[in-house]
Structure formats: structure tokens, C-alpha cells
Amino acid sequence: MKPQHPHRGPVADSNVILLTGDRQIGKTTALWEAVGLLRGVGMRVTGLLTQRTGPHDLAVMELHTGDRYPLTDPWYEDHGTPTPNFVMNEAAMARSSGALAACFPTQVFVLDEIGPLELRHRRGWVGALDLLRREAYELGILVIRPELLGVAIAELPGTTFTVIRVDAGNRQGLGTELFGTAMALFSRTAMLPQGIRL
């Protein structure tokens, strides 16, 4: 049985922060910092976070279980997959995709990232899009490439979006800013944890 956590219910009432910016600009770093800050004030934060562990290597962390494992196989030329810089490990992708449903219900759902594999090829973590439309959560924070923002927004009807673009000028301290944006959204809907005031 899934644990029960406070939520408003209909996804139409949920907020989504779209974190975007160039590759390797600091989106994941900011997100890790924000997750720590949100958990520090008692928020339930679930989802998947990726870490780049080499030029062609990725690992994934399941925030709700703490499990971390490689997401890619060794890279080789002409691998012919939809992700030119990575050879995705099919078993790891299936495991992490299967973990998505266990993230809900939640207060904050985080996904790094929704990319071409999902939005153009309907593979990878594409199931998260359906979960975000129908499951219970207060706030979603998604990493999206700039060129895919419009596609992502079209896939997530009935939500309120805040777009934060990461660049060299604002990446320092962005985790704290992201945390502040999230807390302001919670404050607006009176869903701050007990005892927290802005």
C-alpha cells in the first residue's frame, strides 16, 4: 500500500516548475541543493535525479528509496540509439521507469530529465508524463531542455508553470532560489508544512 501524504487531489491544481538551460550549465546541481533544502523543512520529495559520472556515463538516484545505480552502458561509436552521447542500459531504464509510480502521492515530485528520448521517441521515462497528469502531488520540478519546453508544456495540460532558465550568471545560489520559488508556491496554496512560515 502506498503511504498517504497530504495533497490537494486533482492534478489541475498542481504547480510545475520547469528548470531549463544549456547542457552541463548546473541544472542538476541546483536541483540537488533544492531537494536538500525542501527535505530540511519537512517536505516529502520523491522522483528521479541523474548524475553525470563520465563523458558518456550517467547514474540515477531514486529519491524515494535512496537507490543509486548506473543508467548507461559503455559508449561506442555508431551505437545507433536515440541518445547520441549515451548508450542507455535497458534494464536500468526499465527499473527506473517502474519506480516512477511509487513516487506518488507526494508533495514534491522531481524528474531530471525529460528529454528527446521521452518527448520525441516516446521511450525512457515517458510514463512520467501520464503520472503527472493523473497522480496526486503539490509541486513538480522537471528538468527540460530549452528546445523542448513547448513540447513539454503541451504534454502537461491543466497545470500552472513557472520556467526558470539556468545560465552562467544565475547558477550560483540557484538551488536556494529554486527552494524559495517552491516555498512561495506552497505558501500561495497554504500547503507549507506545519510550523513553517514565510
C-alpha atoms as a PDB file:
ATOM      1  CA  MET A   1       0.000   0.000   0.000  1.00  0.00           C
ATOM      2  CA  LYS A   2       1.265   3.494  -0.829  1.00  0.00           C
ATOM      3  CA  PRO A   3       1.916   5.851   2.087  1.00  0.00           C
ATOM      4  CA  GLN A   4      -0.653   8.586   2.432  1.00  0.00           C
ATOM      5  CA  HIS A   5       0.513  12.207   2.370  1.00  0.00           C
ATOM      6  CA  PRO A   6      -1.404  15.486   2.275  1.00  0.00           C
ATOM      7  CA  HIS A   7      -2.321  16.595  -1.227  1.00  0.00           C
ATOM      8  CA  ARG A   8      -4.977  18.670  -2.923  1.00  0.00           C
ATOM      9  CA  GLY A   9      -6.048  15.891  -5.247  1.00  0.00           C
ATOM     10  CA  PRO A  10      -6.780  16.963  -8.823  1.00  0.00           C
ATOM     11  CA  VAL A  11      -3.656  17.462 -10.903  1.00  0.00           C
ATOM     12  CA  ALA A  12      -5.269  20.593 -12.360  1.00  0.00           C
ATOM     13  CA  ASP A  13      -4.497  22.249  -9.031  1.00  0.00           C
ATOM     14  CA  SER A  14      -0.818  21.344  -9.091  1.00  0.00           C
ATOM     15  CA  ASN A  15       2.131  23.554  -9.948  1.00  0.00           C
ATOM     16  CA  VAL A  16       5.085  22.639 -12.154  1.00  0.00           C
ATOM     17  CA  ILE A  17       8.499  24.324 -12.204  1.00  0.00           C
ATOM     18  CA  LEU A  18      10.358  23.744 -15.466  1.00  0.00           C
ATOM     19  CA  LEU A  19      14.109  24.071 -14.962  1.00  0.00           C
ATOM     20  CA  THR A  20      15.853  24.687 -18.271  1.00  0.00           C
ATOM     21  CA  GLY A  21      19.192  25.787 -19.664  1.00  0.00           C
ATOM     22  CA  ASP A  22      22.134  24.615 -21.759  1.00  0.00           C
ATOM     23  CA  ARG A  23      23.711  21.223 -21.197  1.00  0.00           C
ATOM     24  CA  GLN A  24      26.023  20.986 -18.160  1.00  0.00           C
ATOM     25  CA  ILE A  25      25.160  24.538 -17.049  1.00  0.00           C
ATOM     26  CA  GLY A  26      24.257  23.500 -13.499  1.00  0.00           C
ATOM     27  CA  LYS A  27      20.605  22.401 -13.572  1.00  0.00           C
ATOM     28  CA  THR A  28      21.191  19.129 -11.734  1.00  0.00           C
ATOM     29  CA  THR A  29      23.447  20.772  -9.141  1.00  0.00           C
ATOM     30  CA  ALA A  30      20.766  23.361  -8.368  1.00  0.00           C
ATOM     31  CA  LEU A  31      18.131  20.653  -8.155  1.00  0.00           C
ATOM     32  CA  TRP A  32      20.152  18.549  -5.701  1.00  0.00           C
ATOM     33  CA  GLU A  33      20.582  21.600  -3.476  1.00  0.00           C
ATOM     34  CA  ALA A  34      16.865  22.442  -3.636  1.00  0.00           C
ATOM     35  CA  VAL A  35      15.907  18.849  -2.775  1.00  0.00           C
ATOM     36  CA  GLY A  36      18.059  19.001   0.338  1.00  0.00           C
ATOM     37  CA  LEU A  37      16.526  22.304   1.405  1.00  0.00           C
ATOM     38  CA  LEU A  38      12.960  21.101   0.805  1.00  0.00           C
ATOM     39  CA  ARG A  39      13.553  17.954   2.801  1.00  0.00           C
ATOM     40  CA  GLY A  40      15.129  20.070   5.504  1.00  0.00           C
ATOM     41  CA  VAL A  41      11.784  21.793   6.155  1.00  0.00           C
ATOM     42  CA  GLY A  42       9.852  18.529   6.194  1.00  0.00           C
ATOM     43  CA  MET A  43       8.683  18.223   2.589  1.00  0.00           C
ATOM     44  CA  ARG A  44       8.219  14.771   1.099  1.00  0.00           C
ATOM     45  CA  VAL A  45      10.331  14.826  -2.081  1.00  0.00           C
ATOM     46  CA  THR A  46      10.293  11.888  -4.496  1.00  0.00           C
ATOM     47  CA  GLY A  47      11.402  11.251  -8.054  1.00  0.00           C
ATOM     48  CA  LEU A  48      14.495  10.525 -10.125  1.00  0.00           C
ATOM     49  CA  LEU A  49      17.705  12.554 -10.296  1.00  0.00           C
ATOM     50  CA  THR A  50      20.509  11.817 -12.741  1.00  0.00           C
ATOM     51  CA  GLN A  51      24.197  12.429 -12.219  1.00  0.00           C
ATOM     52  CA  ARG A  52      26.814  12.605 -14.943  1.00  0.00           C
ATOM     53  CA  THR A  53      29.614  10.264 -13.877  1.00  0.00           C
ATOM     54  CA  GLY A  54      31.749  10.471 -17.025  1.00  0.00           C
ATOM     55  CA  PRO A  55      31.743  11.893 -20.565  1.00  0.00           C
ATOM     56  CA  HIS A  56      29.277   9.206 -21.693  1.00  0.00           C
ATOM     57  CA  ASP A  57      28.103   7.872 -18.344  1.00  0.00           C
ATOM     58  CA  LEU A  58      25.025   8.554 -16.194  1.00  0.00           C
ATOM     59  CA  ALA A  59      23.738   7.280 -12.862  1.00  0.00           C
ATOM     60  CA  VAL A  60      20.253   7.699 -11.429  1.00  0.00           C
ATOM     61  CA  MET A  61      19.081   8.187  -7.846  1.00  0.00           C
ATOM     62  CA  GLU A  62      15.585   7.136  -6.768  1.00  0.00           C
ATOM     63  CA  LEU A  63      14.819   9.832  -4.211  1.00  0.00           C
ATOM     64  CA  HIS A  64      12.067   7.857  -2.501  1.00  0.00           C
ATOM     65  CA  THR A  65      14.226   4.738  -1.940  1.00  0.00           C
ATOM     66  CA  GLY A  66      17.760   6.139  -1.925  1.00  0.00           C
ATOM     67  CA  ASP A  67      18.809   3.546  -4.519  1.00  0.00           C
ATOM     68  CA  ARG A  68      21.503   4.722  -6.947  1.00  0.00           C
ATOM     69  CA  TYR A  69      22.656   2.738  -9.982  1.00  0.00           C
ATOM     70  CA  PRO A  70      24.261   3.210 -13.430  1.00  0.00           C
ATOM     71  CA  LEU A  71      21.867   4.266 -16.171  1.00  0.00           C
ATOM     72  CA  THR A  72      24.201   3.749 -19.129  1.00  0.00           C
ATOM     73  CA  ASP A  73      26.365   1.094 -20.750  1.00  0.00           C
ATOM     74  CA  PRO A  74      29.900   1.779 -22.076  1.00  0.00           C
ATOM     75  CA  TRP A  75      29.723   4.123 -25.052  1.00  0.00           C
ATOM     76  CA  TYR A  76      30.883   3.117 -28.511  1.00  0.00           C
ATOM     77  CA  GLU A  77      30.789   4.677 -31.974  1.00  0.00           C
ATOM     78  CA  ASP A  78      27.767   4.128 -34.192  1.00  0.00           C
ATOM     79  CA  HIS A  79      25.630   2.676 -31.414  1.00  0.00           C
ATOM     80  CA  GLY A  80      22.536   3.824 -33.288  1.00  0.00           C
ATOM     81  CA  THR A  81      20.390   4.769 -30.277  1.00  0.00           C
ATOM     82  CA  PRO A  82      18.217   7.912 -29.912  1.00  0.00           C
ATOM     83  CA  THR A  83      20.715   9.365 -27.383  1.00  0.00           C
ATOM     84  CA  PRO A  84      23.910  10.181 -29.336  1.00  0.00           C
ATOM     85  CA  ASN A  85      26.113  10.788 -26.285  1.00  0.00           C
ATOM     86  CA  PHE A  86      24.886   7.858 -24.204  1.00  0.00           C
ATOM     87  CA  VAL A  87      24.135   4.165 -24.568  1.00  0.00           C
ATOM     88  CA  MET A  88      21.220   3.680 -22.196  1.00  0.00           C
ATOM     89  CA  ASN A  89      21.111   0.450 -20.209  1.00  0.00           C
ATOM     90  CA  GLU A  90      17.734  -1.109 -20.968  1.00  0.00           C
ATOM     91  CA  ALA A  91      17.438  -2.906 -17.630  1.00  0.00           C
ATOM     92  CA  ALA A  92      18.259   0.273 -15.669  1.00  0.00           C
ATOM     93  CA  MET A  93      15.794   2.292 -17.737  1.00  0.00           C
ATOM     94  CA  ALA A  94      13.086  -0.299 -17.080  1.00  0.00           C
ATOM     95  CA  ARG A  95      13.898  -0.335 -13.354  1.00  0.00           C
ATOM     96  CA  SER A  96      13.814   3.448 -13.028  1.00  0.00           C
ATOM     97  CA  SER A  97      10.668   3.732 -15.163  1.00  0.00           C
ATOM     98  CA  GLY A  98       8.981   1.183 -12.942  1.00  0.00           C
ATOM     99  CA  ALA A  99       9.976   3.171  -9.861  1.00  0.00           C
ATOM    100  CA  LEU A 100       8.058   6.246 -11.017  1.00  0.00           C
ATOM    101  CA  ALA A 101       4.606   5.044  -9.925  1.00  0.00           C
ATOM    102  CA  ALA A 102       5.865   4.537  -6.360  1.00  0.00           C
ATOM    103  CA  CYS A 103       6.709   8.260  -6.187  1.00  0.00           C
ATOM    104  CA  PHE A 104       3.030   9.201  -5.739  1.00  0.00           C
ATOM    105  CA  PRO A 105       1.222  10.551  -3.815  1.00  0.00           C
ATOM    106  CA  THR A 106       3.799  13.131  -2.795  1.00  0.00           C
ATOM    107  CA  GLN A 107       4.323  16.775  -2.024  1.00  0.00           C
ATOM    108  CA  VAL A 108       7.222  17.430  -4.412  1.00  0.00           C
ATOM    109  CA  PHE A 109       7.975  15.258  -7.447  1.00  0.00           C
ATOM    110  CA  VAL A 110      11.336  15.809  -9.151  1.00  0.00           C
ATOM    111  CA  LEU A 111      12.463  14.447 -12.527  1.00  0.00           C
ATOM    112  CA  ASP A 112      15.847  15.090 -14.132  1.00  0.00           C
ATOM    113  CA  GLU A 113      15.286  14.968 -17.006  1.00  0.00           C
ATOM    114  CA  ILE A 114      12.511  14.704 -19.562  1.00  0.00           C
ATOM    115  CA  GLY A 115      14.352  14.880 -22.877  1.00  0.00           C
ATOM    116  CA  PRO A 116      14.272  13.811 -26.518  1.00  0.00           C
ATOM    117  CA  LEU A 117      14.094  10.144 -25.541  1.00  0.00           C
ATOM    118  CA  GLU A 118      10.710  10.781 -23.911  1.00  0.00           C
ATOM    119  CA  LEU A 119       9.257  13.662 -25.918  1.00  0.00           C
ATOM    120  CA  ARG A 120      10.412  12.673 -29.402  1.00  0.00           C
ATOM    121  CA  HIS A 121      10.859   8.909 -29.215  1.00  0.00           C
ATOM    122  CA  ARG A 122       8.225   8.024 -26.546  1.00  0.00           C
ATOM    123  CA  ARG A 123      10.754   5.912 -24.653  1.00  0.00           C
ATOM    124  CA  GLY A 124      12.642   6.198 -21.373  1.00  0.00           C
ATOM    125  CA  TRP A 125      10.662   7.927 -18.626  1.00  0.00           C
ATOM    126  CA  VAL A 126       7.748   8.880 -20.868  1.00  0.00           C
ATOM    127  CA  GLY A 127       5.366   7.267 -18.359  1.00  0.00           C
ATOM    128  CA  ALA A 128       6.058  10.176 -16.007  1.00  0.00           C
ATOM    129  CA  LEU A 129       4.011  12.440 -18.272  1.00  0.00           C
ATOM    130  CA  ASP A 130       0.880  10.372 -17.702  1.00  0.00           C
ATOM    131  CA  LEU A 131       1.575  10.150 -13.975  1.00  0.00           C
ATOM    132  CA  LEU A 132       1.912  13.926 -13.757  1.00  0.00           C
ATOM    133  CA  ARG A 133      -1.474  14.314 -15.433  1.00  0.00           C
ATOM    134  CA  ARG A 134      -3.358  11.959 -13.118  1.00  0.00           C
ATOM    135  CA  GLU A 135      -1.473  11.417  -9.844  1.00  0.00           C
ATOM    136  CA  ALA A 136      -1.577  13.459  -6.648  1.00  0.00           C
ATOM    137  CA  TYR A 137       1.257  15.903  -5.955  1.00  0.00           C
ATOM    138  CA  GLU A 138       1.600  19.539  -4.902  1.00  0.00           C
ATOM    139  CA  LEU A 139       4.615  20.569  -6.938  1.00  0.00           C
ATOM    140  CA  GLY A 140       6.521  19.043  -9.828  1.00  0.00           C
ATOM    141  CA  ILE A 141      10.057  20.147 -10.703  1.00  0.00           C
ATOM    142  CA  LEU A 142      11.176  18.936 -14.127  1.00  0.00           C
ATOM    143  CA  VAL A 143      14.445  19.472 -15.990  1.00  0.00           C
ATOM    144  CA  ILE A 144      13.682  20.236 -19.648  1.00  0.00           C
ATOM    145  CA  ARG A 145      15.990  21.283 -22.473  1.00  0.00           C
ATOM    146  CA  PRO A 146      15.175  24.750 -23.882  1.00  0.00           C
ATOM    147  CA  GLU A 147      14.284  23.416 -27.326  1.00  0.00           C
ATOM    148  CA  LEU A 148      11.714  21.038 -25.779  1.00  0.00           C
ATOM    149  CA  LEU A 149       9.896  23.470 -23.480  1.00  0.00           C
ATOM    150  CA  GLY A 150       6.918  23.955 -25.768  1.00  0.00           C
ATOM    151  CA  VAL A 151       6.507  20.222 -26.316  1.00  0.00           C
ATOM    152  CA  ALA A 152       6.711  19.538 -22.592  1.00  0.00           C
ATOM    153  CA  ILE A 153       4.111  22.164 -21.734  1.00  0.00           C
ATOM    154  CA  ALA A 154       1.744  20.735 -24.345  1.00  0.00           C
ATOM    155  CA  GLU A 155       2.111  17.309 -22.698  1.00  0.00           C
ATOM    156  CA  LEU A 156       1.118  18.633 -19.257  1.00  0.00           C
ATOM    157  CA  PRO A 157      -2.291  20.298 -19.596  1.00  0.00           C
ATOM    158  CA  GLY A 158      -4.132  21.806 -16.671  1.00  0.00           C
ATOM    159  CA  THR A 159      -1.117  22.842 -14.613  1.00  0.00           C
ATOM    160  CA  THR A 160       0.469  26.154 -13.662  1.00  0.00           C
ATOM    161  CA  PHE A 161       4.024  26.548 -14.972  1.00  0.00           C
ATOM    162  CA  THR A 162       6.994  28.511 -13.685  1.00  0.00           C
ATOM    163  CA  VAL A 163      10.007  28.457 -16.047  1.00  0.00           C
ATOM    164  CA  ILE A 164      13.458  29.015 -14.536  1.00  0.00           C
ATOM    165  CA  ARG A 165      16.307  29.304 -17.033  1.00  0.00           C
ATOM    166  CA  VAL A 166      19.773  28.461 -15.720  1.00  0.00           C
ATOM    167  CA  ASP A 167      22.740  30.364 -17.128  1.00  0.00           C
ATOM    168  CA  ALA A 168      26.280  31.284 -16.130  1.00  0.00           C
ATOM    169  CA  GLY A 169      25.042  34.475 -14.468  1.00  0.00           C
ATOM    170  CA  ASN A 170      22.492  32.927 -12.098  1.00  0.00           C
ATOM    171  CA  ARG A 171      23.641  29.365 -11.430  1.00  0.00           C
ATOM    172  CA  GLN A 172      25.463  30.282  -8.222  1.00  0.00           C
ATOM    173  CA  GLY A 173      22.907  30.042  -5.460  1.00  0.00           C
ATOM    174  CA  LEU A 174      20.204  28.838  -7.830  1.00  0.00           C
ATOM    175  CA  GLY A 175      19.334  25.927  -5.566  1.00  0.00           C
ATOM    176  CA  THR A 176      18.372  28.397  -2.851  1.00  0.00           C
ATOM    177  CA  GLU A 177      16.375  30.449  -5.362  1.00  0.00           C
ATOM    178  CA  LEU A 178      14.591  27.333  -6.580  1.00  0.00           C
ATOM    179  CA  PHE A 179      13.775  26.414  -2.994  1.00  0.00           C
ATOM    180  CA  GLY A 180      12.382  29.928  -2.428  1.00  0.00           C
ATOM    181  CA  THR A 181      10.230  29.703  -5.550  1.00  0.00           C
ATOM    182  CA  ALA A 182       8.877  26.345  -4.433  1.00  0.00           C
ATOM    183  CA  MET A 183       8.101  27.615  -0.930  1.00  0.00           C
ATOM    184  CA  ALA A 184       6.349  30.676  -2.349  1.00  0.00           C
ATOM    185  CA  LEU A 185       4.116  28.404  -4.442  1.00  0.00           C
ATOM    186  CA  PHE A 186       3.313  26.329  -1.364  1.00  0.00           C
ATOM    187  CA  SER A 187       2.590  29.467   0.632  1.00  0.00           C
ATOM    188  CA  ARG A 188       0.138  30.654  -2.001  1.00  0.00           C
ATOM    189  CA  THR A 189      -1.853  27.451  -1.618  1.00  0.00           C
ATOM    190  CA  ALA A 190      -1.470  27.203   2.155  1.00  0.00           C
ATOM    191  CA  MET A 191       0.356  23.879   1.908  1.00  0.00           C
ATOM    192  CA  LEU A 192       3.509  24.668   3.898  1.00  0.00           C
ATOM    193  CA  PRO A 193       4.486  22.053   6.491  1.00  0.00           C
ATOM    194  CA  GLN A 194       3.181  22.800   9.980  1.00  0.00           C
ATOM    195  CA  GLY A 195       5.276  25.409  11.728  1.00  0.00           C
ATOM    196  CA  ILE A 196       6.845  26.840   8.546  1.00  0.00           C
ATOM    197  CA  ARG A 197       6.122  30.474   7.750  1.00  0.00           C
ATOM    198  CA  LEU A 198       7.485  32.748   5.009  1.00  0.00           C
END
